[in-house]
Amino acid sequence: MAWRFLRNALFALIIFLVIGLISRIDLPVTQPVEEYLAFVIITDLSLEPVAEQLNRVTQLVGKWDLSTLVQGLPRVEIRR
């Protein structure tokens, strides 16, 4: 578990270093990358549509009658 944390921390550090280098290079090629990163960082993420869809799925699955499905499955005998 500690190894996973260290690996993820190292990966995050590398990403931050790459982003920092891109912003310091100041080449015309890196301008769209900087704009995209700024857009991703400042975009407000709303999870309400996802929660609504999950609520709909929960309501749909709650109405299912799984007993008929289980009764239709073939029986399996285990012999030892």
C-alpha atoms as a PDB file:
ATOM      1  CA  MET A   1       0.000   0.000   0.000  1.00  0.00           C
ATOM      2  CA  ALA A   2       2.852   2.369   0.765  1.00  0.00           C
ATOM      3  CA  TRP A   3       4.427   1.460  -2.574  1.00  0.00           C
ATOM      4  CA  ARG A   4       1.224   2.428  -4.417  1.00  0.00           C
ATOM      5  CA  PHE A   5       1.128   5.792  -2.606  1.00  0.00           C
ATOM      6  CA  LEU A   6       4.759   6.509  -3.469  1.00  0.00           C
ATOM      7  CA  ARG A   7       4.232   5.495  -7.088  1.00  0.00           C
ATOM      8  CA  ASN A   8       1.147   7.735  -7.402  1.00  0.00           C
ATOM      9  CA  ALA A   9       2.934  10.633  -5.678  1.00  0.00           C
ATOM     10  CA  LEU A  10       5.872  10.279  -8.081  1.00  0.00           C
ATOM     11  CA  PHE A  11       3.521  10.150 -11.052  1.00  0.00           C
ATOM     12  CA  ALA A  12       1.715  13.311  -9.857  1.00  0.00           C
ATOM     13  CA  LEU A  13       5.054  15.055  -9.355  1.00  0.00           C
ATOM     14  CA  ILE A  14       6.141  14.172 -12.893  1.00  0.00           C
ATOM     15  CA  ILE A  15       2.848  15.505 -14.282  1.00  0.00           C
ATOM     16  CA  PHE A  16       3.259  18.794 -12.389  1.00  0.00           C
ATOM     17  CA  LEU A  17       6.834  19.121 -13.619  1.00  0.00           C
ATOM     18  CA  VAL A  18       5.774  18.549 -17.227  1.00  0.00           C
ATOM     19  CA  ILE A  19       2.996  21.128 -16.894  1.00  0.00           C
ATOM     20  CA  GLY A  20       5.458  23.587 -15.351  1.00  0.00           C
ATOM     21  CA  LEU A  21       7.950  23.041 -18.138  1.00  0.00           C
ATOM     22  CA  ILE A  22       5.275  23.530 -20.782  1.00  0.00           C
ATOM     23  CA  SER A  23       4.289  26.861 -19.264  1.00  0.00           C
ATOM     24  CA  ARG A  24       7.943  28.010 -18.975  1.00  0.00           C
ATOM     25  CA  ILE A  25       8.979  27.025 -22.519  1.00  0.00           C
ATOM     26  CA  ASP A  26       6.596  29.632 -23.984  1.00  0.00           C
ATOM     27  CA  LEU A  27       6.595  28.268 -27.531  1.00  0.00           C
ATOM     28  CA  PRO A  28       3.706  28.817 -29.957  1.00  0.00           C
ATOM     29  CA  VAL A  29       3.201  25.055 -30.064  1.00  0.00           C
ATOM     30  CA  THR A  30       2.580  24.875 -26.310  1.00  0.00           C
ATOM     31  CA  GLN A  31      -0.015  27.690 -26.278  1.00  0.00           C
ATOM     32  CA  PRO A  32      -3.009  25.407 -27.102  1.00  0.00           C
ATOM     33  CA  VAL A  33      -1.854  22.940 -24.446  1.00  0.00           C
ATOM     34  CA  GLU A  34      -1.690  25.712 -21.848  1.00  0.00           C
ATOM     35  CA  GLU A  35      -5.167  26.937 -22.802  1.00  0.00           C
ATOM     36  CA  TYR A  36      -6.596  23.425 -22.585  1.00  0.00           C
ATOM     37  CA  LEU A  37      -5.004  22.816 -19.187  1.00  0.00           C
ATOM     38  CA  ALA A  38      -6.368  26.132 -17.915  1.00  0.00           C
ATOM     39  CA  PHE A  39      -9.823  25.179 -19.207  1.00  0.00           C
ATOM     40  CA  VAL A  40      -9.697  21.767 -17.510  1.00  0.00           C
ATOM     41  CA  ILE A  41      -8.485  23.208 -14.212  1.00  0.00           C
ATOM     42  CA  ILE A  42     -11.055  26.009 -13.949  1.00  0.00           C
ATOM     43  CA  THR A  43     -14.056  24.083 -15.308  1.00  0.00           C
ATOM     44  CA  ASP A  44     -16.744  23.544 -12.692  1.00  0.00           C
ATOM     45  CA  LEU A  45     -17.709  19.882 -12.617  1.00  0.00           C
ATOM     46  CA  SER A  46     -21.315  19.112 -11.782  1.00  0.00           C
ATOM     47  CA  LEU A  47     -22.172  15.595 -10.696  1.00  0.00           C
ATOM     48  CA  GLU A  48     -25.943  16.190 -10.591  1.00  0.00           C
ATOM     49  CA  PRO A  49     -26.640  14.663 -14.060  1.00  0.00           C
ATOM     50  CA  VAL A  50     -24.702  11.549 -13.075  1.00  0.00           C
ATOM     51  CA  ALA A  51     -26.610  11.289  -9.787  1.00  0.00           C
ATOM     52  CA  GLU A  52     -29.929  11.651 -11.618  1.00  0.00           C
ATOM     53  CA  GLN A  53     -29.046   8.833 -14.013  1.00  0.00           C
ATOM     54  CA  LEU A  54     -27.963   6.600 -11.129  1.00  0.00           C
ATOM     55  CA  ASN A  55     -31.249   7.329  -9.378  1.00  0.00           C
ATOM     56  CA  ARG A  56     -33.168   6.286 -12.504  1.00  0.00           C
ATOM     57  CA  VAL A  57     -31.181   3.057 -12.772  1.00  0.00           C
ATOM     58  CA  THR A  58     -31.768   2.322  -9.086  1.00  0.00           C
ATOM     59  CA  GLN A  59     -35.511   2.801  -9.513  1.00  0.00           C
ATOM     60  CA  LEU A  60     -35.550   0.567 -12.595  1.00  0.00           C
ATOM     61  CA  VAL A  61     -33.517  -2.226 -11.005  1.00  0.00           C
ATOM     62  CA  GLY A  62     -35.612  -2.038  -7.835  1.00  0.00           C
ATOM     63  CA  LYS A  63     -38.701  -3.019  -9.843  1.00  0.00           C
ATOM     64  CA  TRP A  64     -37.151  -6.136 -11.352  1.00  0.00           C
ATOM     65  CA  ASP A  65     -38.426  -9.509 -10.218  1.00  0.00           C
ATOM     66  CA  LEU A  66     -35.346 -11.719 -10.217  1.00  0.00           C
ATOM     67  CA  SER A  67     -37.108 -14.797  -8.847  1.00  0.00           C
ATOM     68  CA  THR A  68     -38.389 -15.799 -12.314  1.00  0.00           C
ATOM     69  CA  LEU A  69     -34.889 -15.384 -13.718  1.00  0.00           C
ATOM     70  CA  VAL A  70     -33.397 -17.599 -11.022  1.00  0.00           C
ATOM     71  CA  GLN A  71     -36.107 -20.244 -11.487  1.00  0.00           C
ATOM     72  CA  GLY A  72     -35.336 -20.420 -15.212  1.00  0.00           C
ATOM     73  CA  LEU A  73     -31.639 -21.153 -14.687  1.00  0.00           C
ATOM     74  CA  PRO A  74     -30.490 -24.759 -15.117  1.00  0.00           C
ATOM     75  CA  ARG A  75     -29.670 -26.698 -11.980  1.00  0.00           C
ATOM     76  CA  VAL A  76     -26.045 -27.669 -11.437  1.00  0.00           C
ATOM     77  CA  GLU A  77     -25.088 -30.739  -9.460  1.00  0.00           C
ATOM     78  CA  ILE A  78     -21.713 -30.903  -7.786  1.00  0.00           C
ATOM     79  CA  ARG A  79     -20.420 -34.407  -7.140  1.00  0.00           C
ATOM     80  CA  ARG A  80     -17.354 -35.189  -5.138  1.00  0.00           C
END
